[in-house]
Amino acid sequence: MSEANPDKKSARDDKRITLKAKLRFEADNSDIVISGETKNVSMSGAFLETIEPLTGLNDGDEGVVFVEMNKGGNIFDVSFHCVIARLKPGVGIAFNFESEEEDDYEEVEE
């Protein structure tokens, strides 16, 4: 199986790190908010497990994913801009943390 761009790594290629945490996705261009959990993340993405309806969302939609963290009894959110990589109704949403802004930054001439 060939890839369209062999130089670009897929989010599925990155090593997964076990992280059980609550996630919340907030779409950039609508008031859609989806909550759920993840069991693992990678440097380039995560999968939000949820049975909530995914109506109004599409592959390629952008938003912010919030990861609920707990340190010393204090709960706080860490957020990442993301793009929906794929939707699996009744299962969840796969996110890619890479954004066009990051791609543009990497291409800056020296």
Protein backbone atom coordinates (compact mmCIF):
# COMPACT_ATOMS: atom_id res chain seq x y z
CA MET A 1 0.00 0.00 0.00
CA SER A 2 1.50 3.34 -1.03
CA GLU A 3 1.00 6.68 0.65
CA ALA A 4 0.36 9.96 -1.15
CA ASN A 5 3.27 11.60 0.70
CA PRO A 6 5.81 9.12 2.06
CA ASP A 7 7.70 11.93 3.86
CA LYS A 8 4.67 12.82 6.00
CA LYS A 9 4.23 10.53 9.02
CA SER A 10 0.76 9.30 9.87
CA ALA A 11 -0.62 9.84 13.38
CA ARG A 12 -1.05 6.05 13.51
CA ASP A 13 2.74 5.63 13.03
CA ASP A 14 3.64 7.45 16.26
CA LYS A 15 4.30 5.49 19.44
CA ARG A 16 1.27 5.46 21.72
CA ILE A 17 1.61 6.38 25.38
CA THR A 18 -0.90 5.01 27.88
CA LEU A 19 -2.91 7.90 29.29
CA LYS A 20 -6.36 7.40 30.74
CA ALA A 21 -7.95 10.83 30.82
CA LYS A 22 -11.16 12.71 30.18
CA LEU A 23 -11.23 14.58 26.87
CA ARG A 24 -13.47 17.34 25.56
CA PHE A 25 -13.55 18.54 21.93
CA GLU A 26 -14.85 22.00 21.07
CA ALA A 27 -15.33 22.68 17.35
CA ASP A 28 -13.90 25.95 16.00
CA ASN A 29 -16.77 26.79 13.64
CA SER A 30 -19.80 25.72 15.69
CA ASP A 31 -21.00 25.30 19.24
CA ILE A 32 -20.48 21.52 19.11
CA VAL A 33 -18.85 20.06 22.23
CA ILE A 34 -18.15 16.32 22.54
CA SER A 35 -16.93 14.71 25.78
CA GLY A 36 -15.43 11.30 26.41
CA GLU A 37 -12.23 9.54 27.42
CA THR A 38 -8.98 8.35 25.94
CA LYS A 39 -6.83 5.35 26.81
CA ASN A 40 -3.69 6.52 25.01
CA VAL A 41 -2.15 9.40 23.07
CA SER A 42 0.76 9.96 20.73
CA MET A 43 2.79 13.05 19.93
CA SER A 44 0.56 13.68 16.92
CA GLY A 45 -2.91 12.69 18.08
CA ALA A 46 -5.45 11.00 20.29
CA PHE A 47 -8.73 9.10 20.08
CA LEU A 48 -11.71 10.41 22.04
CA GLU A 49 -13.97 7.48 22.92
CA THR A 50 -17.62 8.58 23.09
CA ILE A 51 -21.09 7.34 22.31
CA GLU A 52 -22.37 10.91 21.87
CA PRO A 53 -23.82 11.70 18.42
CA LEU A 54 -21.21 13.15 16.05
CA THR A 55 -23.82 15.04 14.01
CA GLY A 56 -22.48 18.20 12.40
CA LEU A 57 -18.83 17.09 12.46
CA ASN A 58 -16.75 16.07 9.45
CA ASP A 59 -13.25 14.79 8.76
CA GLY A 60 -10.98 17.82 8.50
CA ASP A 61 -12.97 20.00 10.91
CA GLU A 62 -10.76 21.93 13.32
CA GLY A 63 -11.17 22.59 17.01
CA VAL A 64 -9.55 22.34 20.40
CA VAL A 65 -9.23 19.16 22.44
CA PHE A 66 -8.98 19.60 26.21
CA VAL A 67 -7.27 16.91 28.31
CA GLU A 68 -8.30 16.91 31.98
CA MET A 69 -5.23 16.49 34.18
CA ASN A 70 -4.91 16.03 37.95
CA LYS A 71 -1.80 17.00 39.90
CA GLY A 72 -1.64 17.23 43.66
CA GLY A 73 -5.43 17.14 43.92
CA ASN A 74 -5.81 20.09 41.51
CA ILE A 75 -7.71 19.49 38.29
CA PHE A 76 -6.79 21.52 35.21
CA ASP A 77 -7.08 21.28 31.42
CA VAL A 78 -4.30 21.10 28.87
CA SER A 79 -5.49 22.06 25.39
CA PHE A 80 -4.29 21.34 21.86
CA HIS A 81 -5.51 22.70 18.55
CA CYS A 82 -6.51 19.71 16.42
CA VAL A 83 -8.02 18.48 13.19
CA ILE A 84 -10.51 15.60 13.01
CA ALA A 85 -8.72 12.74 11.26
CA ARG A 86 -11.70 10.36 11.22
CA LEU A 87 -15.12 9.92 12.77
CA LYS A 88 -16.41 6.57 14.01
CA PRO A 89 -20.08 7.06 15.01
CA GLY A 90 -20.92 5.21 18.22
CA VAL A 91 -17.19 4.77 18.94
CA GLY A 92 -15.41 8.12 18.87
CA ILE A 93 -13.22 10.66 17.08
CA ALA A 94 -9.57 10.45 16.04
CA PHE A 95 -7.66 13.74 16.24
CA ASN A 96 -4.44 14.91 14.67
CA PHE A 97 -2.66 17.56 16.78
CA GLU A 98 -0.69 18.85 13.80
CA SER A 99 -2.10 22.05 12.34
CA GLU A 100 -1.50 24.18 9.27
CA GLU A 101 0.11 26.80 11.51
CA GLU A 102 2.73 24.26 12.63
CA ASP A 103 3.33 23.16 9.02
CA ASP A 104 3.82 26.80 7.97
CA TYR A 105 6.26 27.35 10.83
CA GLU A 106 8.37 24.34 9.79
CA GLU A 107 8.65 25.70 6.23
CA VAL A 108 10.09 29.10 7.24
CA GLU A 109 13.28 29.81 5.28
CA GLU A 110 16.47 30.29 7.26
